[in-house]
């Protein structure tokens, strides 16, 4: 009986029969593994496809790497880490190799050059294979677009923090700075490299912030109003034109915080029911009447800025001695300045037998304040 055998078309040596699991029925790979004997196969076999050299553009300020047409943050600690990552992306392993394992040993040969010694092992046609390649990585220090803009004081939006008929508090200004930093950090975390704060300056009126995008400016402004109340308006200013002739605008967001803040004590105009301790400036101003303890809310037309004069703040209150609780509507206390006994209104938040109470003395008289708003 004649035995059917396959022969290598290059050297004529017999080769093993093709098995179905080797891809015999795959029309896309006719004779890919069995038409050539192992000896001829390994004559042309290239385990690793590696470039002769890799050139990398790295931002000397932030460490970003230029890939394609954009800069990418890679989170590398030093240029060696950058070189390892770039070589990993550039090397290719032959598709027929199984059980591939590799390691790399970087060698710094200068401030801008790292030699990457790469060692590979694997299996092809049940034969162990190994290879070593050396790829030099050249580092070119440059300045990325983002760092260039920061250095050039670039900004696209201005946020102005102001308050109506007052100066913004330290808490409000510090919160604006924190909000801006949090927004930039969140945008950077999602890969937005255009997010940064160019400049933050305080003046007698409040705070000015220059930020890199209109999106950041809008988010800062809306968050301030969300937390402290008030309004925000925006205005565009044409600054230049792009290469296509389209207008490039800079947007100013003017945040106007309410005239009163929680803890302020105000005397409402055309209101005979006594001062109000402000508890909220969101939407319509809300508070507590100091004569009765009843809740107060400004009308829709008044919003968060009813016509009133400020008498003081919650922190201005001093603790004074209670002489006696006369009845449900009156209480006798010592005047904190003259130490004379005075009978004043007793709001419903005062206990039946307190020893002391916090009071505020102002042009509107002497009033008991609640322990908390």
Protein backbone atom coordinates (compact mmCIF):
# COMPACT_ATOMS: atom_id res chain seq x y z
CA UNK A 1 0.00 0.00 0.00
CA UNK A 2 1.38 3.40 -0.99
CA UNK A 3 1.55 5.94 1.80
CA UNK A 4 0.49 9.51 0.91
CA UNK A 5 2.98 12.02 2.27
CA UNK A 6 3.38 15.83 2.05
CA UNK A 7 6.75 17.30 1.16
CA UNK A 8 8.29 20.70 1.84
CA UNK A 9 8.19 22.74 -1.40
CA UNK A 10 11.54 24.33 -0.53
CA UNK A 11 13.82 21.46 0.46
CA UNK A 12 11.75 18.42 -0.46
CA UNK A 13 11.87 16.83 2.97
CA UNK A 14 8.69 15.12 4.13
CA UNK A 15 6.47 17.02 6.54
CA UNK A 16 3.85 15.63 8.94
CA UNK A 17 0.29 15.15 7.74
CA UNK A 18 -1.95 18.16 8.31
CA UNK A 19 -4.53 17.65 11.03
CA UNK A 20 -7.88 19.39 11.21
CA UNK A 21 -6.94 21.06 14.49
CA UNK A 22 -3.95 22.59 12.73
CA UNK A 23 -6.26 24.46 10.36
CA UNK A 24 -6.47 22.00 7.43
CA UNK A 25 -9.97 23.15 6.58
CA UNK A 26 -9.21 26.85 6.93
CA UNK A 27 -9.27 28.36 3.40
CA UNK A 28 -7.63 31.52 4.72
CA UNK A 29 -4.45 29.66 5.73
CA UNK A 30 -3.75 27.08 3.00
CA UNK A 31 -0.61 25.21 4.00
CA UNK A 32 0.37 27.88 6.50
CA UNK A 33 2.03 25.42 8.89
CA UNK A 34 2.55 22.08 7.16
CA UNK A 35 3.52 22.90 3.60
CA UNK A 36 6.93 24.01 4.88
CA UNK A 37 9.07 21.86 7.11
CA UNK A 38 10.22 23.08 10.52
CA UNK A 39 13.74 23.78 9.28
CA UNK A 40 12.60 26.04 6.44
CA UNK A 41 9.91 27.60 8.66
CA UNK A 42 12.43 28.70 11.29
CA UNK A 43 14.80 30.01 8.59
CA UNK A 44 12.27 32.80 7.92
CA UNK A 45 10.76 32.98 11.42
CA UNK A 46 10.86 36.35 13.17
CA UNK A 47 9.82 36.08 16.79
CA UNK A 48 9.77 39.81 17.48
CA UNK A 49 9.06 42.76 15.21
CA UNK A 50 10.79 45.76 16.80
CA UNK A 51 11.54 49.25 15.48
CA UNK A 52 15.17 50.34 15.14
CA UNK A 53 14.47 53.34 17.35
CA UNK A 54 11.58 55.05 19.12
CA UNK A 55 11.33 58.83 19.37
CA UNK A 56 9.12 60.15 22.17
CA UNK A 57 7.98 63.73 22.74
CA UNK A 58 7.51 64.37 26.46
CA UNK A 59 6.30 67.56 28.11
CA UNK A 60 9.04 68.70 30.47
CA UNK A 61 6.47 70.37 32.73
CA UNK A 62 3.74 67.77 33.31
CA UNK A 63 5.18 64.57 31.80
CA UNK A 64 2.48 64.14 29.14
CA UNK A 65 3.43 62.16 26.03
CA UNK A 66 2.60 63.20 22.48
CA UNK A 67 0.79 60.44 20.62
CA UNK A 68 -0.73 60.84 17.22
CA UNK A 69 -2.05 64.38 17.11
CA UNK A 70 -2.56 65.00 20.81
CA UNK A 71 -0.88 65.01 24.20
CA UNK A 72 -1.78 62.22 26.61
CA UNK A 73 -1.29 62.05 30.37
CA UNK A 74 0.36 58.70 31.08
CA UNK A 75 1.00 59.05 34.80
CA UNK A 76 4.68 58.12 34.44
CA UNK A 77 7.00 58.83 37.34
CA UNK A 78 10.08 59.38 35.16
CA UNK A 79 11.35 59.00 31.60
CA UNK A 80 12.20 55.32 32.16
CA UNK A 81 8.53 54.58 32.78
CA UNK A 82 7.67 56.45 29.59
CA UNK A 83 10.24 54.43 27.63
CA UNK A 84 8.89 51.12 28.96
CA UNK A 85 5.33 52.01 27.98
CA UNK A 86 6.30 53.22 24.51
CA UNK A 87 8.36 50.07 23.80
CA UNK A 88 5.51 47.89 25.02
CA UNK A 89 3.21 49.55 22.50
CA UNK A 90 5.73 49.33 19.65
CA UNK A 91 6.82 45.66 19.90
CA UNK A 92 4.90 42.94 18.08
CA UNK A 93 5.06 39.17 18.69
CA UNK A 94 4.62 36.62 15.88
CA UNK A 95 1.04 35.37 15.76
CA UNK A 96 2.08 31.67 15.88
CA UNK A 97 3.92 31.97 19.20
CA UNK A 98 2.20 30.53 22.27
CA UNK A 99 2.93 30.99 25.98
CA UNK A 100 4.76 34.26 25.43
CA UNK A 101 6.66 35.70 28.38
CA UNK A 102 8.89 38.75 28.39
CA UNK A 103 10.79 41.15 30.55
CA UNK A 104 12.60 44.40 29.98
CA UNK A 105 15.73 45.94 31.46
CA UNK A 106 16.12 49.70 30.87
CA UNK A 107 19.56 51.20 30.61
CA UNK A 108 19.93 54.97 30.86
CA UNK A 109 22.81 56.04 28.65
CA UNK A 110 22.20 59.77 28.81
CA UNK A 111 19.68 62.37 29.91
CA UNK A 112 17.63 61.83 26.75
CA UNK A 113 18.29 58.19 25.81
CA UNK A 114 17.15 54.92 27.35
CA UNK A 115 18.21 51.58 25.90
CA UNK A 116 15.51 48.98 26.37
CA UNK A 117 16.86 45.42 26.55
CA UNK A 118 13.89 43.13 25.93
CA UNK A 119 13.90 39.35 26.51
CA UNK A 120 11.20 37.06 25.07
CA UNK A 121 10.39 33.36 25.38
CA UNK A 122 7.60 31.28 23.88
CA UNK A 123 6.67 28.11 21.99
CA UNK A 124 6.21 27.58 18.23
CA UNK A 125 5.41 24.17 16.71
CA UNK A 126 6.13 22.57 20.08
CA UNK A 127 9.59 24.12 19.94
CA UNK A 128 10.82 26.57 22.63
CA UNK A 129 11.98 29.87 21.17
CA UNK A 130 13.63 32.90 22.71
CA UNK A 131 14.92 36.21 21.48
CA UNK A 132 16.56 39.36 22.76
CA UNK A 133 16.21 42.80 21.18
CA UNK A 134 17.53 46.22 22.12
CA UNK A 135 15.46 49.28 21.26
CA UNK A 136 16.88 52.76 21.91
CA UNK A 137 14.29 55.30 23.05
CA UNK A 138 15.09 58.95 22.38
CA UNK A 139 13.34 61.47 24.64
CA UNK A 140 12.60 64.92 23.23
CA UNK A 141 11.63 67.42 25.94
CA UNK A 142 8.96 69.84 24.77
CA UNK A 143 6.05 71.86 26.15
CA UNK A 144 2.57 70.49 25.68
CA UNK A 145 -0.36 72.64 24.58
CA UNK A 146 -1.83 72.78 28.07
CA UNK A 147 1.39 73.85 29.81
CA UNK A 148 2.06 76.35 27.05
CA UNK A 149 -1.32 77.93 27.64
CA UNK A 150 -0.79 78.03 31.39
CA UNK A 151 2.60 79.67 30.92
CA UNK A 152 1.02 82.17 28.55
CA UNK A 153 -1.78 83.07 31.03
CA UNK A 154 -4.41 81.76 28.65
CA UNK A 155 -8.03 81.88 29.77
CA UNK A 156 -11.41 81.62 28.09
CA UNK A 157 -13.71 82.55 30.95
CA UNK A 158 -13.84 84.91 33.93
CA UNK A 159 -15.84 84.21 37.08
CA UNK A 160 -16.63 87.21 39.25
CA UNK A 161 -17.88 86.52 42.78
CA UNK A 162 -19.70 89.52 44.22
CA UNK A 163 -22.46 90.13 46.77
CA UNK A 164 -25.34 92.59 46.78
CA UNK A 165 -24.75 95.53 49.13
CA UNK A 166 -21.96 93.73 50.97
CA UNK A 167 -18.57 92.08 50.55
CA UNK A 168 -18.56 88.27 50.12
CA UNK A 169 -17.54 86.44 53.27
CA UNK A 170 -14.27 84.59 53.65
CA UNK A 171 -16.25 81.34 53.69
CA UNK A 172 -17.89 82.18 50.35
CA UNK A 173 -14.59 83.12 48.69
CA UNK A 174 -12.76 80.07 50.00
CA UNK A 175 -15.62 77.85 48.90
CA UNK A 176 -15.44 79.31 45.37
CA UNK A 177 -11.75 78.38 45.20
CA UNK A 178 -12.44 74.84 46.40
CA UNK A 179 -15.29 74.42 43.91
CA UNK A 180 -13.02 75.49 41.05
CA UNK A 181 -10.27 73.08 42.11
CA UNK A 182 -12.73 70.20 42.45
CA UNK A 183 -14.24 70.87 39.01
CA UNK A 184 -10.80 70.98 37.36
CA UNK A 185 -9.75 67.78 39.14
CA UNK A 186 -12.92 65.97 38.00
CA UNK A 187 -12.42 67.08 34.40
CA UNK A 188 -8.76 66.07 34.43
CA UNK A 189 -9.74 62.66 35.81
CA UNK A 190 -11.95 62.11 32.75
CA UNK A 191 -9.09 62.99 30.36
CA UNK A 192 -9.84 66.66 29.74
CA UNK A 193 -6.39 68.27 29.48
CA UNK A 194 -7.86 71.71 28.72
CA UNK A 195 -9.08 72.20 32.29
CA UNK A 196 -7.02 74.50 34.49
CA UNK A 197 -7.22 77.65 36.60
CA UNK A 198 -5.10 80.45 35.21
CA UNK A 199 -5.38 83.01 37.98
CA UNK A 200 -7.32 83.74 41.17
CA UNK A 201 -7.27 87.25 42.66
CA UNK A 202 -9.14 88.86 45.53
CA UNK A 203 -10.06 92.55 45.63
CA UNK A 204 -12.20 94.87 47.72
CA UNK A 205 -15.36 93.73 45.92
CA UNK A 206 -14.84 89.96 45.99
CA UNK A 207 -13.06 87.38 43.87
CA UNK A 208 -12.03 87.12 40.21
CA UNK A 209 -11.08 83.79 38.67
CA UNK A 210 -9.68 83.21 35.21
CA UNK A 211 -10.30 79.67 33.99
CA UNK A 212 -9.47 77.81 30.80
CA UNK A 213 -12.95 76.96 29.51
CA UNK A 214 -16.45 78.38 29.60
CA UNK A 215 -17.66 75.04 30.91
CA UNK A 216 -15.58 75.46 34.08
CA UNK A 217 -16.79 79.02 34.56
CA UNK A 218 -20.42 78.00 34.24
CA UNK A 219 -20.02 75.09 36.67
CA UNK A 220 -18.33 77.26 39.31
CA UNK A 221 -21.02 79.93 39.03
CA UNK A 222 -23.94 77.52 39.21
CA UNK A 223 -22.44 75.69 42.18
CA UNK A 224 -21.98 78.93 44.12
CA UNK A 225 -25.60 79.90 43.55
CA UNK A 226 -26.71 76.38 44.47
CA UNK A 227 -24.92 76.57 47.83
CA UNK A 228 -25.32 80.24 48.80
CA UNK A 229 -28.23 81.52 46.74
CA UNK A 230 -28.14 84.55 44.48
CA UNK A 231 -28.01 84.92 40.72
CA UNK A 232 -25.56 84.50 37.87
CA UNK A 233 -25.44 86.36 34.56
CA UNK A 234 -23.07 85.84 31.65
CA UNK A 235 -21.78 88.18 28.98
CA UNK A 236 -19.71 87.41 25.87
CA UNK A 237 -16.82 89.51 24.58
CA UNK A 238 -15.33 88.96 21.12
CA UNK A 239 -11.56 88.59 21.50
CA UNK A 240 -10.39 87.20 18.14
CA UNK A 241 -11.28 85.02 15.16
CA UNK A 242 -10.17 81.49 14.42
CA UNK A 243 -8.52 80.35 11.19
CA UNK A 244 -11.95 79.86 9.61
CA UNK A 245 -13.06 83.38 10.43
CA UNK A 246 -15.40 82.35 13.24
CA UNK A 247 -15.58 84.60 16.28
CA UNK A 248 -13.82 83.47 19.47
CA UNK A 249 -15.59 84.80 22.55
CA UNK A 250 -14.55 85.16 26.18
CA UNK A 251 -17.41 84.73 28.62
CA UNK A 252 -17.68 86.54 31.94
CA UNK A 253 -19.90 84.92 34.57
CA UNK A 254 -21.05 87.46 37.18
CA UNK A 255 -22.20 85.75 40.37
CA UNK A 256 -24.23 88.03 42.63
CA UNK A 257 -24.69 86.55 46.09
CA UNK A 258 -27.67 87.59 48.25
CA UNK A 259 -27.37 90.68 50.48
CA UNK A 260 -28.09 88.62 53.58
CA UNK A 261 -26.66 85.32 54.75
CA UNK A 262 -27.74 82.79 57.38
CA UNK A 263 -27.04 84.29 60.79
CA UNK A 264 -27.78 87.88 59.79
CA UNK A 265 -30.38 89.75 61.83
CA UNK A 266 -32.43 92.18 59.76
CA UNK A 267 -35.19 94.71 60.39
CA UNK A 268 -37.72 94.54 57.56
CA UNK A 269 -39.07 97.76 56.08
CA UNK A 270 -42.79 98.42 56.56
CA UNK A 271 -43.00 95.47 58.93
CA UNK A 272 -44.09 95.92 62.57
CA UNK A 273 -43.50 92.33 63.67
CA UNK A 274 -39.89 92.79 64.69
CA UNK A 275 -36.46 91.67 63.51
CA UNK A 276 -35.81 88.42 61.62
CA UNK A 277 -32.90 86.03 62.08
CA UNK A 278 -32.03 84.82 58.56
CA UNK A 279 -31.86 81.02 58.21
CA UNK A 280 -31.63 80.67 54.40
CA UNK A 281 -31.06 82.84 51.33
CA UNK A 282 -31.98 80.18 48.77
CA UNK A 283 -34.89 81.23 46.63
CA UNK A 284 -37.01 83.44 48.88
CA UNK A 285 -35.27 84.59 52.04
CA UNK A 286 -36.36 82.63 55.12
CA UNK A 287 -35.86 83.16 58.83
CA UNK A 288 -37.26 83.31 62.37
CA UNK A 289 -39.02 86.31 63.94
CA UNK A 290 -37.24 87.23 67.15
CA UNK A 291 -40.34 88.56 68.91
CA UNK A 292 -42.50 85.49 68.48
CA UNK A 293 -40.33 82.66 67.14
CA UNK A 294 -42.62 82.30 64.12
CA UNK A 295 -41.24 81.34 60.72
CA UNK A 296 -40.79 84.07 58.13
CA UNK A 297 -40.52 83.83 54.36
CA UNK A 298 -40.20 86.72 51.92
CA UNK A 299 -42.71 87.07 49.16
CA UNK A 300 -42.01 85.93 45.63
CA UNK A 301 -41.54 89.52 44.51
CA UNK A 302 -38.97 90.20 47.26
CA UNK A 303 -37.04 86.98 46.64
CA UNK A 304 -33.82 86.75 48.62
CA UNK A 305 -33.41 90.51 48.98
CA UNK A 306 -36.37 92.06 50.81
CA UNK A 307 -36.11 95.73 51.70
CA UNK A 308 -34.47 95.72 55.13
CA UNK A 309 -31.58 97.01 57.20
CA UNK A 310 -29.05 94.78 58.90
CA UNK A 311 -28.99 95.01 62.69
CA UNK A 312 -26.22 92.55 63.41
CA UNK A 313 -25.15 88.93 63.21
CA UNK A 314 -25.76 85.80 65.23
CA UNK A 315 -22.17 85.99 66.49
CA UNK A 316 -22.89 89.42 68.02
CA UNK A 317 -25.21 87.90 70.62
CA UNK A 318 -24.07 87.83 74.24
CA UNK A 319 -25.24 85.61 77.07
CA UNK A 320 -27.21 87.41 79.77
CA UNK A 321 -29.00 86.44 82.97
CA UNK A 322 -32.72 85.71 83.05
CA UNK A 323 -34.40 87.52 85.95
CA UNK A 324 -37.77 85.87 85.51
CA UNK A 325 -40.12 84.43 82.90
CA UNK A 326 -43.16 86.64 83.37
CA UNK A 327 -45.64 84.84 81.10
CA UNK A 328 -45.93 83.17 77.69
CA UNK A 329 -45.17 86.41 75.86
CA UNK A 330 -42.66 88.22 78.04
CA UNK A 331 -39.37 87.60 79.82
CA UNK A 332 -37.26 89.78 82.09
CA UNK A 333 -33.48 89.81 81.50
CA UNK A 334 -30.49 91.92 82.45
CA UNK A 335 -29.42 94.45 79.84
CA UNK A 336 -25.87 93.28 78.90
CA UNK A 337 -24.64 96.90 78.84
CA UNK A 338 -26.45 98.64 81.73
CA UNK A 339 -27.20 95.51 83.80
CA UNK A 340 -30.70 96.84 84.40
CA UNK A 341 -33.65 94.44 84.40
CA UNK A 342 -35.72 94.80 81.23
CA UNK A 343 -38.91 93.12 80.16
CA UNK A 344 -38.82 92.06 76.50
CA UNK A 345 -40.74 89.77 74.15
CA UNK A 346 -40.47 86.07 74.81
CA UNK A 347 -40.36 84.06 71.56
CA UNK A 348 -41.70 80.52 71.69
CA UNK A 349 -38.23 78.96 71.44
CA UNK A 350 -37.33 80.14 74.98
CA UNK A 351 -37.62 77.45 77.68
CA UNK A 352 -39.85 77.88 80.74
CA UNK A 353 -37.05 78.29 83.28
CA UNK A 354 -33.73 79.23 81.63
CA UNK A 355 -30.87 80.64 83.68
CA UNK A 356 -29.37 82.57 80.77
CA UNK A 357 -30.28 83.39 77.18
CA UNK A 358 -28.35 84.85 74.21
CA UNK A 359 -29.52 88.38 73.39
CA UNK A 360 -28.76 90.99 70.75
CA UNK A 361 -29.02 94.67 71.54
CA UNK A 362 -29.50 96.90 68.51
CA UNK A 363 -31.31 100.02 67.38
CA UNK A 364 -34.46 97.87 67.24
CA UNK A 365 -34.17 97.00 70.94
CA UNK A 366 -33.18 93.93 72.93
CA UNK A 367 -34.13 90.52 71.56
CA UNK A 368 -33.58 86.91 72.60
CA UNK A 369 -31.96 84.71 69.95
CA UNK A 370 -32.47 80.97 69.55
CA UNK A 371 -29.59 78.69 70.49
CA UNK A 372 -29.48 77.52 66.87
CA UNK A 373 -31.13 78.55 63.62
